[in-house]
Amino acid sequence: MLREEFGEGGFVVRIRVLVVDDHRIFAESLAAALAAEPDVEVSAAGSGPAALRCLERAAAEGRRFDVLLVDADLGGTAP
């Protein structure tokens, strides 16, 4: 479910994205490009286990991710 927050003139839809990639430079570049959009909130994880921790923490806080972008070749681990 997309997040809605109050902004000027009403609701603003915030899209929460988790980038999962073991190539730090690529993950940081992609996260920065996405975060440049005013309606996108980005987090990043460098491994499957780190991604699971992010997902569990987000679920516990009631702030689940809307989109997961996962490296198809994540060094043999599954997020």
N, C-alpha and C. Protein backbone atom coordinates (compact mmCIF):
# COMPACT_ATOMS: atom_id res chain seq x y z
N MET A 1 0.84 -1.16 0.00
CA MET A 1 0.00 0.00 0.00
C MET A 1 0.90 1.23 0.00
N LEU A 2 0.62 2.17 -0.85
CA LEU A 2 1.39 3.41 -0.91
C LEU A 2 1.08 4.26 0.30
N ARG A 3 2.10 4.96 0.78
CA ARG A 3 1.95 5.80 1.96
C ARG A 3 1.38 7.15 1.56
N GLU A 4 0.43 7.64 2.32
CA GLU A 4 -0.11 8.98 2.07
C GLU A 4 0.20 9.84 3.29
N GLU A 5 0.75 11.00 3.05
CA GLU A 5 1.07 11.93 4.12
C GLU A 5 0.49 13.28 3.75
N PHE A 6 0.19 14.08 4.74
CA PHE A 6 -0.31 15.42 4.47
C PHE A 6 0.81 16.29 3.93
N GLY A 7 0.52 16.98 2.88
CA GLY A 7 1.44 17.95 2.31
C GLY A 7 0.66 19.21 1.99
N GLU A 8 1.30 20.13 1.33
CA GLU A 8 0.59 21.35 0.94
C GLU A 8 -0.53 20.99 -0.02
N GLY A 9 -1.73 21.42 0.30
CA GLY A 9 -2.86 21.18 -0.59
C GLY A 9 -3.48 19.81 -0.48
N GLY A 10 -3.10 19.00 0.51
CA GLY A 10 -3.75 17.70 0.66
C GLY A 10 -2.76 16.58 0.87
N PHE A 11 -3.08 15.42 0.30
CA PHE A 11 -2.26 14.24 0.49
C PHE A 11 -1.12 14.18 -0.52
N VAL A 12 0.00 13.64 -0.07
CA VAL A 12 1.14 13.38 -0.94
C VAL A 12 1.41 11.88 -0.85
N VAL A 13 1.51 11.20 -1.97
CA VAL A 13 1.79 9.77 -1.97
C VAL A 13 3.30 9.58 -1.90
N ARG A 14 3.74 8.78 -0.92
CA ARG A 14 5.16 8.46 -0.76
C ARG A 14 5.35 7.00 -1.11
N ILE A 15 6.27 6.71 -2.00
CA ILE A 15 6.57 5.34 -2.41
C ILE A 15 7.85 4.93 -1.68
N ARG A 16 7.77 3.85 -0.90
CA ARG A 16 8.93 3.36 -0.16
C ARG A 16 9.59 2.25 -0.97
N VAL A 17 10.90 2.42 -1.24
CA VAL A 17 11.66 1.51 -2.08
C VAL A 17 12.84 0.95 -1.28
N LEU A 18 13.07 -0.36 -1.40
CA LEU A 18 14.26 -0.99 -0.83
C LEU A 18 15.12 -1.50 -1.98
N VAL A 19 16.36 -1.00 -2.07
CA VAL A 19 17.32 -1.44 -3.07
C VAL A 19 18.22 -2.48 -2.41
N VAL A 20 18.31 -3.67 -3.02
CA VAL A 20 19.15 -4.74 -2.47
C VAL A 20 20.18 -5.13 -3.53
N ASP A 21 21.44 -4.81 -3.25
CA ASP A 21 22.51 -5.10 -4.21
C ASP A 21 23.82 -5.17 -3.46
N ASP A 22 24.65 -6.18 -3.78
CA ASP A 22 25.93 -6.32 -3.11
C ASP A 22 27.04 -5.49 -3.76
N HIS A 23 26.73 -4.77 -4.80
CA HIS A 23 27.69 -3.84 -5.42
C HIS A 23 27.38 -2.44 -4.89
N ARG A 24 28.16 -2.02 -3.91
CA ARG A 24 27.88 -0.79 -3.16
C ARG A 24 27.72 0.43 -4.04
N ILE A 25 28.62 0.62 -5.01
CA ILE A 25 28.55 1.82 -5.85
C ILE A 25 27.26 1.84 -6.66
N PHE A 26 26.89 0.69 -7.22
CA PHE A 26 25.64 0.63 -7.99
C PHE A 26 24.44 0.91 -7.09
N ALA A 27 24.40 0.26 -5.93
CA ALA A 27 23.27 0.44 -5.01
C ALA A 27 23.15 1.89 -4.57
N GLU A 28 24.29 2.51 -4.24
CA GLU A 28 24.26 3.91 -3.81
C GLU A 28 23.81 4.83 -4.93
N SER A 29 24.28 4.56 -6.16
CA SER A 29 23.88 5.39 -7.30
C SER A 29 22.39 5.27 -7.59
N LEU A 30 21.89 4.05 -7.59
CA LEU A 30 20.47 3.83 -7.83
C LEU A 30 19.63 4.47 -6.73
N ALA A 31 20.04 4.27 -5.48
CA ALA A 31 19.31 4.86 -4.36
C ALA A 31 19.30 6.38 -4.45
N ALA A 32 20.43 6.98 -4.82
CA ALA A 32 20.50 8.44 -4.93
C ALA A 32 19.60 8.95 -6.05
N ALA A 33 19.58 8.24 -7.18
CA ALA A 33 18.74 8.66 -8.30
C ALA A 33 17.26 8.59 -7.92
N LEU A 34 16.87 7.53 -7.24
CA LEU A 34 15.47 7.39 -6.82
C LEU A 34 15.11 8.41 -5.75
N ALA A 35 16.02 8.64 -4.81
CA ALA A 35 15.75 9.57 -3.71
C ALA A 35 15.64 11.02 -4.19
N ALA A 36 16.13 11.30 -5.39
CA ALA A 36 16.01 12.66 -5.94
C ALA A 36 14.56 13.01 -6.26
N GLU A 37 13.72 12.00 -6.36
CA GLU A 37 12.29 12.23 -6.60
C GLU A 37 11.62 12.58 -5.28
N PRO A 38 10.82 13.63 -5.25
CA PRO A 38 10.23 14.07 -3.98
C PRO A 38 9.24 13.10 -3.36
N ASP A 39 8.69 12.19 -4.15
CA ASP A 39 7.69 11.27 -3.62
C ASP A 39 8.22 9.87 -3.38
N VAL A 40 9.57 9.72 -3.36
CA VAL A 40 10.18 8.41 -3.17
C VAL A 40 11.07 8.44 -1.93
N GLU A 41 10.89 7.45 -1.06
CA GLU A 41 11.73 7.26 0.12
C GLU A 41 12.51 5.97 -0.09
N VAL A 42 13.84 6.03 -0.04
CA VAL A 42 14.68 4.90 -0.41
C VAL A 42 15.51 4.41 0.78
N SER A 43 15.61 3.09 0.90
CA SER A 43 16.54 2.44 1.82
C SER A 43 17.35 1.46 0.98
N ALA A 44 18.50 1.05 1.50
CA ALA A 44 19.35 0.12 0.75
C ALA A 44 19.90 -0.95 1.69
N ALA A 45 20.14 -2.13 1.11
CA ALA A 45 20.74 -3.24 1.84
C ALA A 45 21.76 -3.89 0.91
N GLY A 46 22.87 -4.36 1.48
CA GLY A 46 23.95 -4.93 0.68
C GLY A 46 23.97 -6.44 0.61
N SER A 47 22.98 -7.10 1.22
CA SER A 47 22.94 -8.56 1.20
C SER A 47 21.52 -9.03 1.48
N GLY A 48 21.30 -10.32 1.24
CA GLY A 48 19.99 -10.89 1.55
C GLY A 48 19.64 -10.78 3.02
N PRO A 49 20.55 -11.19 3.92
CA PRO A 49 20.24 -11.07 5.35
C PRO A 49 19.98 -9.62 5.78
N ALA A 50 20.73 -8.67 5.24
CA ALA A 50 20.50 -7.26 5.57
C ALA A 50 19.13 -6.81 5.07
N ALA A 51 18.74 -7.29 3.89
CA ALA A 51 17.42 -6.95 3.35
C ALA A 51 16.31 -7.50 4.24
N LEU A 52 16.49 -8.73 4.72
CA LEU A 52 15.48 -9.32 5.61
C LEU A 52 15.35 -8.50 6.89
N ARG A 53 16.47 -8.04 7.43
CA ARG A 53 16.41 -7.20 8.64
C ARG A 53 15.65 -5.90 8.35
N CYS A 54 15.91 -5.29 7.19
CA CYS A 54 15.19 -4.06 6.81
C CYS A 54 13.69 -4.32 6.68
N LEU A 55 13.34 -5.43 6.05
CA LEU A 55 11.93 -5.77 5.86
C LEU A 55 11.24 -6.04 7.20
N GLU A 56 11.91 -6.77 8.09
CA GLU A 56 11.33 -7.07 9.40
C GLU A 56 11.15 -5.80 10.22
N ARG A 57 12.17 -4.93 10.20
CA ARG A 57 12.09 -3.67 10.96
C ARG A 57 10.96 -2.79 10.41
N ALA A 58 10.86 -2.71 9.09
CA ALA A 58 9.81 -1.89 8.47
C ALA A 58 8.43 -2.43 8.81
N ALA A 59 8.27 -3.74 8.79
CA ALA A 59 6.97 -4.34 9.12
C ALA A 59 6.62 -4.09 10.59
N ALA A 60 7.61 -4.20 11.47
CA ALA A 60 7.37 -3.97 12.89
C ALA A 60 6.96 -2.53 13.16
N GLU A 61 7.48 -1.61 12.36
CA GLU A 61 7.16 -0.18 12.51
C GLU A 61 5.90 0.21 11.75
N GLY A 62 5.31 -0.74 11.02
CA GLY A 62 4.12 -0.44 10.22
C GLY A 62 4.43 0.41 9.01
N ARG A 63 5.67 0.33 8.52
CA ARG A 63 6.11 1.15 7.38
C ARG A 63 6.68 0.23 6.29
N ARG A 64 5.90 -0.66 5.79
CA ARG A 64 6.36 -1.64 4.80
C ARG A 64 6.77 -0.97 3.51
N PHE A 65 7.63 -1.66 2.78
CA PHE A 65 8.09 -1.16 1.49
C PHE A 65 7.05 -1.44 0.41
N ASP A 66 6.96 -0.53 -0.56
CA ASP A 66 6.06 -0.69 -1.68
C ASP A 66 6.74 -1.40 -2.84
N VAL A 67 8.06 -1.18 -2.97
CA VAL A 67 8.82 -1.72 -4.10
C VAL A 67 10.14 -2.28 -3.58
N LEU A 68 10.52 -3.49 -4.05
CA LEU A 68 11.83 -4.06 -3.78
C LEU A 68 12.56 -4.19 -5.10
N LEU A 69 13.76 -3.62 -5.17
CA LEU A 69 14.62 -3.76 -6.35
C LEU A 69 15.79 -4.63 -5.92
N VAL A 70 15.81 -5.89 -6.40
CA VAL A 70 16.78 -6.86 -5.92
C VAL A 70 17.69 -7.30 -7.06
N ASP A 71 19.00 -7.30 -6.79
CA ASP A 71 20.01 -7.79 -7.72
C ASP A 71 19.70 -9.27 -8.01
N ALA A 72 19.57 -9.62 -9.28
CA ALA A 72 19.26 -11.00 -9.67
C ALA A 72 20.42 -11.95 -9.37
N ASP A 73 21.63 -11.42 -9.22
CA ASP A 73 22.82 -12.22 -8.91
C ASP A 73 23.42 -11.69 -7.62
N LEU A 74 22.76 -11.96 -6.52
CA LEU A 74 23.12 -11.38 -5.23
C LEU A 74 24.14 -12.23 -4.49
N GLY A 75 25.17 -12.67 -5.16
CA GLY A 75 26.24 -13.40 -4.49
C GLY A 75 25.80 -14.68 -3.81
N GLY A 76 24.79 -15.35 -4.35
CA GLY A 76 24.37 -16.64 -3.82
C GLY A 76 23.41 -16.58 -2.65
N THR A 77 22.97 -15.39 -2.24
CA THR A 77 22.02 -15.31 -1.14
C THR A 77 20.67 -14.86 -1.67
N ALA A 78 19.65 -15.23 -0.96
CA ALA A 78 18.30 -14.80 -1.34
C ALA A 78 17.80 -13.81 -0.31
N PRO A 79 17.23 -12.68 -0.75
CA PRO A 79 16.73 -11.70 0.23
C PRO A 79 15.49 -12.18 0.93
